[in-house]
Amino acid sequence: MFENFDESMIEVEAASILTRHCGAGDLPVLLLHGHPRTSATWHRVAPLLVDAGHTVVCPDLRGCGRSQGPAPTPDHSAHSKRAMASDMVQVMAALGHRRFAVVGHDRGSYVALRLSLDHPSLVAALSLLDCIPVSEHLDRADSRFATRWWHWFFYAQPDLPERAITADPSSWYRGDPAFMGVENHREWLTAIHDPDVVRAMLEDYRAGLTVDADHERADRAQGRTLAVPVQVLWSTRDDLEELYGDPLTIWRAWAPGVVGHGIDSGHHMAEQAPHHLVDALLPFLASAERWDSVQ
């Protein structure tokens, strides 16, 4: 797994970030994992992007996997997407990358969105997988959403979710090595059995319903939009399209030029449909690189 990739623990302002990186392409690509995965979720995608000529950087988000982060704060800001985005800016700077593309999946897509809004001069292209903004979910929440995505509200409760998950993490998350890949599964299994990792993952959700949603609503009130090329991809065997119809309709308020489509996959498309995902990413990254070169 990640053959020929270097592995570094990069110290940033408030965290230590485990980072895998490889390649020497002109446009670095930062891959941000979702819940409850680690950077190892990209083990089938990252080498394909390197083979296509890209530099690829795969970090564990703060508190996840082998990365370490600060203790939780009462307002959950220590695990906000703004804090995680700042980590990623520092990681990329430490690796010598001043401008880069960002691909985020699931919870990592919220970090990618925040990074692009807070640091627009650094982001050359943005690809968001299986998501709409947190605030858009909350503003549209109905009984279908609450039934399907009940875990958002359960994870926001104090202490109880930690007790439930750490009692039997393997049964709670139910990973399959045949589906994930043996080494990815082994790394994930170690992570979910670490109570500090579980706490950090839950703090991410608590931040989502509070400080992160507040940040997004402030962006909308100010009329902020994404000025870089934006791609949105979603798993057709997941429920995003079923809940909201065409996700691009929602994203156009945030990125008027957004492009994208569904991919025949379940939720973890980097593990289930890596070739289809890379086939969608490469032309988008190429067009974004051309766009960036004339700006």
Protein backbone atom coordinates (compact mmCIF):
# COMPACT_ATOMS: atom_id res chain seq x y z
CA MET A 1 0.00 0.00 0.00
CA PHE A 2 1.37 3.43 -1.04
CA GLU A 3 4.47 1.91 -2.61
CA ASN A 4 7.09 4.62 -3.34
CA PHE A 5 5.24 7.18 -1.22
CA ASP A 6 7.15 9.02 1.50
CA GLU A 7 5.60 9.26 4.93
CA SER A 8 6.13 12.28 7.19
CA MET A 9 4.77 13.54 10.50
CA ILE A 10 4.42 17.27 9.85
CA GLU A 11 4.18 19.62 12.81
CA VAL A 12 1.66 22.43 12.36
CA GLU A 13 0.44 25.11 14.74
CA ALA A 14 -1.83 22.94 16.88
CA ALA A 15 -1.42 19.41 15.57
CA SER A 16 0.91 16.75 14.18
CA ILE A 17 -0.26 15.53 10.79
CA LEU A 18 0.67 12.13 9.36
CA THR A 19 1.19 12.71 5.64
CA ARG A 20 1.85 10.40 2.70
CA HIS A 21 3.21 12.08 -0.43
CA CYS A 22 4.67 11.16 -3.80
CA GLY A 23 5.19 12.50 -7.32
CA ALA A 24 6.69 15.48 -9.06
CA GLY A 25 3.86 16.91 -11.15
CA ASP A 26 3.19 20.61 -11.69
CA LEU A 27 -0.21 20.59 -9.97
CA PRO A 28 -0.12 18.93 -6.53
CA VAL A 29 -3.34 17.20 -5.47
CA LEU A 30 -4.36 17.13 -1.81
CA LEU A 31 -6.67 14.18 -0.98
CA LEU A 32 -8.79 14.54 2.18
CA HIS A 33 -10.50 11.47 3.65
CA GLY A 34 -13.93 11.16 5.22
CA HIS A 35 -15.41 9.44 8.27
CA PRO A 36 -14.42 7.01 9.69
CA ARG A 37 -11.50 6.50 7.32
CA THR A 38 -7.85 7.55 7.33
CA SER A 39 -5.62 8.66 4.47
CA ALA A 40 -5.29 4.96 3.62
CA THR A 41 -8.74 5.13 2.00
CA TRP A 42 -6.94 6.65 -1.04
CA HIS A 43 -4.56 3.70 -1.46
CA ARG A 44 -6.10 2.68 -4.80
CA VAL A 45 -6.56 6.24 -6.13
CA ALA A 46 -3.33 7.99 -5.13
CA PRO A 47 -0.94 5.79 -7.19
CA LEU A 48 -3.13 6.22 -10.27
CA LEU A 49 -2.91 10.00 -9.93
CA VAL A 50 0.86 9.79 -9.50
CA ASP A 51 1.09 7.57 -12.59
CA ALA A 52 -0.88 10.23 -14.48
CA GLY A 53 1.76 12.82 -13.60
CA HIS A 54 0.48 14.45 -10.43
CA THR A 55 2.13 15.09 -7.10
CA VAL A 56 -0.22 13.58 -4.49
CA VAL A 57 -0.51 14.38 -0.78
CA CYS A 58 -2.66 12.23 1.54
CA PRO A 59 -2.86 13.40 5.18
CA ASP A 60 -4.73 12.04 8.16
CA LEU A 61 -6.95 14.90 9.37
CA ARG A 62 -6.21 16.20 12.85
CA GLY A 63 -7.00 13.63 15.51
CA CYS A 64 -7.72 10.94 12.91
CA GLY A 65 -5.59 7.92 12.09
CA ARG A 66 -2.05 8.61 13.27
CA SER A 67 -2.39 12.39 13.31
CA GLN A 68 -2.65 14.12 16.64
CA GLY A 69 -4.59 17.21 17.55
CA PRO A 70 -5.50 19.45 20.46
CA ALA A 71 -7.96 18.57 23.19
CA PRO A 72 -11.59 19.34 22.42
CA THR A 73 -12.87 22.80 23.31
CA PRO A 74 -16.34 23.65 24.65
CA ASP A 75 -17.28 25.46 21.44
CA HIS A 76 -15.80 22.62 19.29
CA SER A 77 -13.64 25.11 17.38
CA ALA A 78 -10.52 22.97 17.92
CA HIS A 79 -12.06 20.48 15.49
CA SER A 80 -13.73 22.96 13.15
CA LYS A 81 -13.21 22.73 9.42
CA ARG A 82 -11.48 26.13 9.63
CA ALA A 83 -8.89 24.68 12.01
CA MET A 84 -8.44 21.55 9.87
CA ALA A 85 -8.12 23.66 6.72
CA SER A 86 -5.38 25.68 8.39
CA ASP A 87 -3.56 22.42 9.15
CA MET A 88 -3.69 21.50 5.47
CA VAL A 89 -2.33 24.88 4.36
CA GLN A 90 0.62 24.39 6.70
CA VAL A 91 1.17 20.80 5.55
CA MET A 92 1.27 21.82 1.91
CA ALA A 93 3.59 24.74 2.66
CA ALA A 94 5.93 22.41 4.57
CA LEU A 95 6.09 20.21 1.46
CA GLY A 96 6.81 23.23 -0.73
CA HIS A 97 3.39 23.47 -2.39
CA ARG A 98 2.02 27.01 -2.59
CA ARG A 99 -0.88 26.29 -4.94
CA PHE A 100 -2.67 23.00 -5.35
CA ALA A 101 -5.88 21.15 -6.17
CA VAL A 102 -8.01 19.72 -3.37
CA VAL A 103 -10.17 16.59 -3.48
CA GLY A 104 -12.31 15.91 -0.42
CA HIS A 105 -14.66 13.04 0.36
CA ASP A 106 -17.46 13.01 2.94
CA ARG A 107 -16.23 14.94 6.04
CA GLY A 108 -13.02 15.73 4.18
CA SER A 109 -15.08 17.56 1.58
CA TYR A 110 -16.15 20.06 4.26
CA VAL A 111 -12.50 20.70 5.07
CA ALA A 112 -11.83 21.12 1.34
CA LEU A 113 -14.71 23.59 1.01
CA ARG A 114 -13.53 25.63 3.99
CA LEU A 115 -9.95 25.62 2.73
CA SER A 116 -11.12 26.97 -0.63
CA LEU A 117 -13.26 29.68 0.96
CA ASP A 118 -10.67 30.78 3.54
CA HIS A 119 -7.59 30.50 1.31
CA PRO A 120 -8.77 31.08 -2.28
CA SER A 121 -5.34 32.15 -3.54
CA LEU A 122 -3.91 28.71 -2.69
CA VAL A 123 -6.51 26.48 -4.36
CA ALA A 124 -6.30 25.90 -8.10
CA ALA A 125 -9.22 23.44 -8.30
CA LEU A 126 -11.72 21.83 -5.97
CA SER A 127 -13.37 18.41 -6.31
CA LEU A 128 -16.02 17.50 -3.74
CA LEU A 129 -17.21 13.91 -3.37
CA ASP A 130 -20.53 12.85 -1.83
CA CYS A 131 -21.51 16.10 -0.19
CA ILE A 132 -23.45 19.32 -0.11
CA PRO A 133 -22.54 22.02 2.46
CA VAL A 134 -23.41 21.26 6.08
CA SER A 135 -25.71 24.28 6.31
CA GLU A 136 -27.59 23.16 3.19
CA HIS A 137 -28.23 19.78 4.81
CA LEU A 138 -29.49 21.42 7.99
CA ASP A 139 -31.68 23.96 6.22
CA ARG A 140 -33.35 21.13 4.28
CA ALA A 141 -33.54 18.64 7.17
CA ASP A 142 -36.77 16.68 7.29
CA SER A 143 -37.85 13.30 8.64
CA ARG A 144 -36.16 11.48 5.72
CA PHE A 145 -32.86 13.21 6.42
CA ALA A 146 -33.13 12.64 10.17
CA THR A 147 -33.89 8.95 9.61
CA ARG A 148 -31.08 8.36 7.11
CA TRP A 149 -28.47 10.63 8.74
CA TRP A 150 -29.46 10.20 12.38
CA HIS A 151 -25.82 9.70 13.31
CA TRP A 152 -25.15 13.44 12.81
CA PHE A 153 -27.42 14.23 15.74
CA PHE A 154 -26.38 11.26 17.85
CA TYR A 155 -22.68 12.11 17.46
CA ALA A 156 -23.43 15.66 18.62
CA GLN A 157 -24.54 14.42 22.05
CA PRO A 158 -22.01 14.67 24.90
CA ASP A 159 -20.23 11.50 26.04
CA LEU A 160 -22.89 8.96 25.03
CA PRO A 161 -21.58 8.28 21.50
CA GLU A 162 -18.05 7.77 22.83
CA ARG A 163 -19.37 5.12 25.22
CA ALA A 164 -21.42 3.40 22.52
CA ILE A 165 -18.66 3.29 19.92
CA THR A 166 -15.70 2.39 22.12
CA ALA A 167 -17.66 -0.50 23.66
CA ASP A 168 -17.25 -2.38 20.34
CA PRO A 169 -15.76 -0.22 17.54
CA SER A 170 -15.57 -3.08 15.03
CA SER A 171 -19.27 -3.83 15.31
CA TRP A 172 -20.20 -0.15 15.22
CA TYR A 173 -18.34 0.62 11.98
CA ARG A 174 -18.30 -2.85 10.34
CA GLY A 175 -15.36 -2.56 7.95
CA ASP A 176 -14.66 -5.36 5.48
CA PRO A 177 -11.03 -6.12 4.49
CA ALA A 178 -12.17 -7.69 1.22
CA PHE A 179 -13.92 -4.44 0.36
CA MET A 180 -11.39 -1.98 1.79
CA GLY A 181 -8.14 -3.81 1.11
CA VAL A 182 -6.31 -5.69 3.86
CA GLU A 183 -3.76 -3.00 4.77
CA ASN A 184 -6.29 -0.18 4.62
CA HIS A 185 -8.61 -2.19 6.85
CA ARG A 186 -5.80 -2.95 9.31
CA GLU A 187 -4.90 0.74 9.61
CA TRP A 188 -8.55 1.74 9.96
CA LEU A 189 -9.09 -0.94 12.63
CA THR A 190 -6.21 0.42 14.70
CA ALA A 191 -7.60 3.94 14.42
CA ILE A 192 -11.18 3.19 15.45
CA HIS A 193 -9.96 1.28 18.52
CA ASP A 194 -8.15 4.39 19.77
CA PRO A 195 -10.52 6.34 22.09
CA ASP A 196 -8.72 9.60 21.28
CA VAL A 197 -9.39 9.08 17.57
CA VAL A 198 -13.05 8.31 18.23
CA ARG A 199 -13.34 11.47 20.32
CA ALA A 200 -11.75 13.58 17.57
CA MET A 201 -14.04 12.11 14.92
CA LEU A 202 -17.08 12.92 17.06
CA GLU A 203 -15.82 16.45 17.72
CA ASP A 204 -15.73 16.91 13.95
CA TYR A 205 -19.48 16.22 13.85
CA ARG A 206 -20.14 18.46 16.86
CA ALA A 207 -18.28 21.27 15.14
CA GLY A 208 -20.30 20.61 11.99
CA LEU A 209 -23.63 21.32 13.66
CA THR A 210 -22.34 24.44 15.42
CA VAL A 211 -19.30 26.48 14.42
CA ASP A 212 -18.98 25.05 10.90
CA ALA A 213 -22.62 25.73 10.04
CA ASP A 214 -22.22 29.25 11.44
CA HIS A 215 -19.18 29.83 9.21
CA GLU A 216 -21.07 28.64 6.12
CA ARG A 217 -24.08 30.83 6.86
CA ALA A 218 -21.78 33.81 7.31
CA ASP A 219 -20.31 33.06 3.87
CA ARG A 220 -23.76 33.00 2.32
CA ALA A 221 -24.78 36.23 4.06
CA GLN A 222 -21.71 37.89 2.58
CA GLY A 223 -22.43 36.47 -0.87
CA ARG A 224 -19.16 34.57 -1.05
CA THR A 225 -18.78 32.01 -3.82
CA LEU A 226 -16.00 29.74 -5.05
CA ALA A 227 -13.96 31.42 -7.76
CA VAL A 228 -11.94 28.33 -8.77
CA PRO A 229 -13.06 25.43 -10.98
CA VAL A 230 -15.34 23.18 -8.90
CA GLN A 231 -16.33 19.59 -9.58
CA VAL A 232 -18.93 17.64 -7.59
CA LEU A 233 -19.14 13.85 -7.86
CA TRP A 234 -21.55 11.62 -6.00
CA SER A 235 -22.14 7.89 -5.53
CA THR A 236 -25.29 6.79 -7.34
CA ARG A 237 -25.73 3.87 -4.92
CA ASP A 238 -25.68 6.23 -1.93
CA ASP A 239 -28.61 8.48 -0.96
CA LEU A 240 -27.49 12.04 -1.81
CA GLU A 241 -29.37 12.13 -5.10
CA GLU A 242 -32.39 10.43 -3.56
CA LEU A 243 -32.62 13.08 -0.84
CA TYR A 244 -31.92 16.17 -2.95
CA GLY A 245 -32.23 15.39 -6.62
CA ASP A 246 -29.35 16.74 -8.70
CA PRO A 247 -26.72 17.96 -6.16
CA LEU A 248 -25.40 20.42 -8.75
CA THR A 249 -28.59 22.44 -8.32
CA ILE A 250 -27.64 23.14 -4.71
CA TRP A 251 -23.97 23.71 -5.46
CA ARG A 252 -24.61 26.37 -8.13
CA ALA A 253 -25.37 28.87 -5.36
CA TRP A 254 -21.84 28.29 -4.07
CA ALA A 255 -20.03 27.74 -7.37
CA PRO A 256 -21.90 29.04 -10.43
CA GLY A 257 -19.66 27.14 -12.85
CA VAL A 258 -19.78 23.82 -11.03
CA VAL A 259 -19.58 20.63 -13.08
CA GLY A 260 -20.00 16.99 -12.12
CA HIS A 261 -21.98 13.79 -12.29
CA GLY A 262 -22.81 10.59 -10.46
CA ILE A 263 -20.45 7.61 -10.26
CA ASP A 264 -21.67 4.02 -10.11
CA SER A 265 -20.49 3.22 -6.60
CA GLY A 266 -21.45 2.98 -2.98
CA HIS A 267 -20.44 5.74 -0.57
CA HIS A 268 -16.71 4.93 -0.34
CA MET A 269 -15.99 5.50 -4.02
CA ALA A 270 -12.20 5.70 -3.60
CA GLU A 271 -12.28 2.09 -2.41
CA GLN A 272 -15.17 0.76 -4.51
CA ALA A 273 -14.68 2.52 -7.84
CA PRO A 274 -11.14 3.95 -7.91
CA HIS A 275 -10.73 3.78 -11.68
CA HIS A 276 -14.08 5.47 -12.35
CA LEU A 277 -13.16 8.16 -9.83
CA VAL A 278 -9.75 8.78 -11.38
CA ASP A 279 -11.30 8.82 -14.85
CA ALA A 280 -13.53 11.67 -13.63
CA LEU A 281 -10.78 13.53 -11.79
CA LEU A 282 -8.07 13.57 -14.45
CA PRO A 283 -9.83 15.61 -17.17
CA PHE A 284 -11.14 18.02 -14.55
CA LEU A 285 -7.66 18.52 -13.08
CA ALA A 286 -6.20 18.96 -16.56
CA SER A 287 -8.75 21.64 -17.47
CA ALA A 288 -8.24 23.35 -14.11
CA GLU A 289 -4.50 23.36 -14.67
CA ARG A 290 -5.00 25.05 -18.04
CA TRP A 291 -7.37 27.58 -16.46
CA ASP A 292 -4.87 28.27 -13.69
CA SER A 293 -2.03 28.87 -16.16
CA VAL A 294 -3.86 31.79 -17.82
CA GLN A 295 -5.00 33.53 -14.64
